[in-house]
Amino acid sequence: MKIKSILLLSLAALLVAVMPSCRDNGKATAEGSATSATSEIKEIKEVQGRGLERIDKLPEAPTGNVVDQAGLLSQADVTQITQLAVELDSLKLAQVAVVTVNDLEGKDALACATDISNKWGVGHKESNDGITILVKPKTEQSKGEAAIATGKGMEKILTNEVCQLIIDQEMIPEFKKNDYGKAIKEALDKIKEILALHSESKLEISD
């Protein structure tokens, strides 16, 4: 009986010693699972956040007239395009912004150009004469695209049909040569010609 009692006491002591360890191991396992789940949720949110940012993000408003996000233009191109834009502005014909992007993220090119124009506030408030030229180069995964978005004050002169003609006749031939700078300059030259003629005709009518 005495031996049996000693054995029972030893067994009880062993159980007391082991149980905290089991509890600790169980707690550690639970904490590990919770940490892992939290980490996975955080990672999913980060990925989702990056996706939303990629879709919704538009180029920031420039300090000049040109944002070459896609790296299609030489410094000489930027200088010449800026000069043309400044000339159009100084003649009070239009306020121009030019932007190149690598990806439209599934958006329509004209809608994207319009969004950028609105975000940047292209055009003078009193005349709403903004013109935003957007270019996305051709890649192995997608076709090249271009759009010309105009403010309300330009819509009767640079209609959608006229803008598409400028893209088709002035820009696309140069795109085929991978000369994006010349494509944009040709478009601006044509826009200047059209707006100048319209301005002259208005003066003649008023006279």
Protein backbone atom coordinates (compact mmCIF):
# COMPACT_ATOMS: atom_id res chain seq x y z
CA MET A 1 0.00 0.00 0.00
CA LYS A 2 2.80 2.36 0.91
CA ILE A 3 4.57 1.70 -2.39
CA LYS A 4 1.30 2.23 -4.26
CA SER A 5 0.78 5.57 -2.49
CA ILE A 6 4.29 6.69 -3.37
CA LEU A 7 3.70 5.76 -7.01
CA LEU A 8 0.42 7.68 -7.08
CA LEU A 9 2.09 10.73 -5.55
CA SER A 10 4.93 10.56 -8.11
CA LEU A 11 2.44 10.30 -10.97
CA ALA A 12 0.45 13.28 -9.69
CA ALA A 13 3.64 15.35 -9.41
CA LEU A 14 4.62 14.42 -12.97
CA LEU A 15 1.21 15.48 -14.30
CA VAL A 16 1.44 18.83 -12.51
CA ALA A 17 4.86 19.41 -14.05
CA VAL A 18 3.78 18.46 -17.57
CA MET A 19 0.43 20.30 -17.74
CA PRO A 20 1.83 23.89 -17.72
CA SER A 21 4.17 22.92 -20.52
CA CYS A 22 1.24 21.57 -22.55
CA ARG A 23 -0.73 24.71 -21.86
CA ASP A 24 2.23 26.86 -22.94
CA ASN A 25 2.71 24.83 -26.11
CA GLY A 26 -0.99 25.13 -26.95
CA LYS A 27 -0.86 28.87 -26.31
CA ALA A 28 2.24 29.24 -28.46
CA THR A 29 0.60 27.30 -31.28
CA ALA A 30 -2.54 29.45 -31.09
CA GLU A 31 -0.48 32.63 -31.00
CA GLY A 32 1.54 31.40 -33.97
CA SER A 33 -1.61 30.69 -35.98
CA ALA A 34 -3.08 34.09 -35.12
CA THR A 35 0.16 35.84 -36.09
CA SER A 36 0.30 33.91 -39.37
CA ALA A 37 -3.33 34.75 -40.18
CA THR A 38 -2.78 38.43 -39.34
CA SER A 39 0.30 38.48 -41.54
CA GLU A 40 -1.61 36.90 -44.45
CA ILE A 41 -4.49 39.38 -44.10
CA LYS A 42 -2.03 42.28 -44.01
CA GLU A 43 -0.29 40.96 -47.13
CA ILE A 44 -3.62 40.59 -48.97
CA LYS A 45 -4.60 44.15 -48.05
CA GLU A 46 -1.24 45.45 -49.24
CA VAL A 47 -1.61 43.67 -52.57
CA GLN A 48 -5.17 44.94 -52.95
CA GLY A 49 -4.01 48.44 -52.05
CA ARG A 50 -1.27 48.34 -54.65
CA GLY A 51 -3.79 47.16 -57.23
CA LEU A 52 -6.18 50.02 -56.47
CA GLU A 53 -3.37 52.52 -56.49
CA ARG A 54 -2.16 51.22 -59.87
CA ILE A 55 -5.63 51.47 -61.40
CA ASP A 56 -6.60 54.85 -59.99
CA LYS A 57 -3.26 56.62 -60.03
CA LEU A 58 -2.84 59.37 -62.62
CA PRO A 59 0.37 61.27 -63.31
CA GLU A 60 0.87 64.21 -60.99
CA ALA A 61 0.32 67.72 -62.36
CA PRO A 62 3.49 68.93 -64.10
CA THR A 63 5.40 72.12 -63.49
CA GLY A 64 5.68 72.47 -67.27
CA ASN A 65 3.58 71.34 -70.22
CA VAL A 66 5.03 67.85 -70.66
CA VAL A 67 5.03 64.71 -68.51
CA ASP A 68 6.96 61.95 -70.27
CA GLN A 69 6.13 59.11 -67.88
CA ALA A 70 6.82 56.47 -70.55
CA GLY A 71 10.25 57.90 -71.42
CA LEU A 72 9.46 58.31 -75.12
CA LEU A 73 10.83 61.81 -75.63
CA SER A 74 14.32 63.23 -75.90
CA GLN A 75 15.20 66.46 -74.12
CA ALA A 76 15.10 68.21 -77.49
CA ASP A 77 11.58 66.84 -78.05
CA VAL A 78 10.42 68.11 -74.66
CA THR A 79 11.93 71.54 -75.34
CA GLN A 80 10.30 71.84 -78.78
CA ILE A 81 6.92 70.56 -77.59
CA THR A 82 7.02 72.98 -74.67
CA GLN A 83 7.82 75.86 -77.04
CA LEU A 84 4.82 74.98 -79.20
CA ALA A 85 2.56 74.75 -76.14
CA VAL A 86 3.82 78.10 -74.82
CA GLU A 87 3.24 79.68 -78.23
CA LEU A 88 -0.34 78.43 -78.35
CA ASP A 89 -0.90 79.84 -74.87
CA SER A 90 0.72 83.21 -75.64
CA LEU A 91 -1.45 83.56 -78.75
CA LYS A 92 -4.45 82.86 -76.52
CA LEU A 93 -5.43 79.93 -78.69
CA ALA A 94 -5.23 77.13 -76.13
CA GLN A 95 -3.52 75.79 -73.03
CA VAL A 96 -1.81 72.49 -73.78
CA ALA A 97 -0.61 69.53 -71.75
CA VAL A 98 1.18 66.48 -73.15
CA VAL A 99 1.52 63.18 -71.28
CA THR A 100 2.95 59.77 -72.17
CA VAL A 101 2.08 56.69 -70.14
CA ASN A 102 3.18 53.06 -70.20
CA ASP A 103 -0.23 51.59 -69.42
CA LEU A 104 -3.84 52.76 -69.52
CA GLU A 105 -4.80 50.06 -66.98
CA GLY A 106 -7.75 48.99 -69.11
CA LYS A 107 -9.15 52.51 -69.48
CA ASP A 108 -10.23 54.08 -72.74
CA ALA A 109 -7.48 56.42 -74.00
CA LEU A 110 -9.78 59.43 -74.42
CA ALA A 111 -11.38 58.88 -71.00
CA CYS A 112 -7.92 58.69 -69.46
CA ALA A 113 -6.82 61.89 -71.23
CA THR A 114 -9.98 63.63 -70.03
CA ASP A 115 -9.38 62.47 -66.45
CA ILE A 116 -5.84 63.81 -66.56
CA SER A 117 -7.02 67.11 -68.05
CA ASN A 118 -9.59 67.51 -65.27
CA LYS A 119 -7.12 66.54 -62.55
CA TRP A 120 -4.50 68.97 -63.79
CA GLY A 121 -6.98 71.75 -64.57
CA VAL A 122 -5.75 72.19 -68.15
CA GLY A 123 -7.23 75.28 -69.80
CA HIS A 124 -8.07 78.81 -68.76
CA LYS A 125 -11.15 79.03 -66.57
CA GLU A 126 -12.79 81.81 -68.55
CA SER A 127 -12.45 80.08 -71.93
CA ASN A 128 -12.08 76.37 -71.00
CA ASP A 129 -9.58 76.04 -73.83
CA GLY A 130 -7.58 73.07 -72.53
CA ILE A 131 -6.05 70.46 -74.85
CA THR A 132 -4.48 67.29 -73.44
CA ILE A 133 -2.57 64.97 -75.77
CA LEU A 134 -2.04 61.47 -74.38
CA VAL A 135 0.24 58.84 -75.91
CA LYS A 136 0.74 55.21 -74.91
CA PRO A 137 3.39 53.31 -76.89
CA LYS A 138 2.89 49.91 -78.48
CA THR A 139 4.22 46.96 -76.47
CA GLU A 140 4.35 43.21 -76.97
CA GLN A 141 1.22 42.91 -74.82
CA SER A 142 -0.83 45.85 -76.10
CA LYS A 143 -1.32 48.19 -79.03
CA GLY A 144 -0.22 51.81 -79.09
CA GLU A 145 -2.91 54.41 -78.40
CA ALA A 146 -3.31 58.17 -78.55
CA ALA A 147 -6.04 60.61 -77.62
CA ILE A 148 -6.69 64.33 -77.72
CA ALA A 149 -9.02 65.59 -74.99
CA THR A 150 -10.40 69.11 -75.28
CA GLY A 151 -12.17 71.51 -72.96
CA LYS A 152 -15.73 72.70 -73.59
CA GLY A 153 -14.43 75.86 -75.23
CA MET A 154 -12.63 73.80 -77.89
CA GLU A 155 -15.33 71.25 -78.70
CA LYS A 156 -16.92 73.14 -81.62
CA ILE A 157 -13.53 73.66 -83.28
CA LEU A 158 -11.60 70.52 -82.35
CA THR A 159 -14.46 68.06 -82.56
CA ASN A 160 -13.91 64.36 -81.87
CA GLU A 161 -13.81 63.79 -85.62
CA VAL A 162 -11.17 66.49 -86.18
CA CYS A 163 -9.05 65.19 -83.29
CA GLN A 164 -9.22 61.67 -84.70
CA LEU A 165 -8.12 62.96 -88.12
CA ILE A 166 -5.14 64.67 -86.48
CA ILE A 167 -4.22 61.39 -84.78
CA ASP A 168 -4.68 59.35 -87.96
CA GLN A 169 -2.95 61.72 -90.37
CA GLU A 170 -0.34 63.49 -88.27
CA MET A 171 0.55 61.15 -85.44
CA ILE A 172 0.16 57.53 -86.52
CA PRO A 173 2.59 57.79 -89.49
CA GLU A 174 5.29 58.96 -87.04
CA PHE A 175 4.32 56.33 -84.45
CA LYS A 176 5.09 53.70 -87.08
CA LYS A 177 8.63 55.12 -87.23
CA ASN A 178 8.82 55.14 -83.42
CA ASP A 179 9.25 58.92 -83.55
CA TYR A 180 6.87 59.90 -80.76
CA GLY A 181 8.33 63.36 -80.39
CA LYS A 182 7.69 64.23 -84.03
CA ALA A 183 4.17 62.75 -83.82
CA ILE A 184 3.27 65.11 -80.98
CA LYS A 185 4.91 68.11 -82.68
CA GLU A 186 3.04 67.41 -85.92
CA ALA A 187 -0.22 67.22 -83.99
CA LEU A 188 0.46 70.52 -82.24
CA ASP A 189 1.38 72.21 -85.53
CA LYS A 190 -1.92 71.07 -87.03
CA ILE A 191 -3.85 72.17 -83.94
CA LYS A 192 -2.17 75.59 -84.09
CA GLU A 193 -3.08 75.89 -87.79
CA ILE A 194 -6.74 75.03 -87.16
CA LEU A 195 -7.10 77.34 -84.16
CA ALA A 196 -5.32 80.22 -85.90
CA LEU A 197 -7.63 79.96 -88.92
CA HIS A 198 -10.65 79.89 -86.63
CA SER A 199 -9.35 82.92 -84.74
CA GLU A 200 -8.79 84.84 -87.98
CA SER A 201 -12.26 84.00 -89.24
CA LYS A 202 -13.75 85.30 -85.99
CA LEU A 203 -11.83 88.58 -86.40
CA GLU A 204 -13.06 88.95 -89.98
CA ILE A 205 -16.66 88.40 -88.90
CA SER A 206 -16.36 90.94 -86.07
CA ASP A 207 -14.81 93.51 -88.47
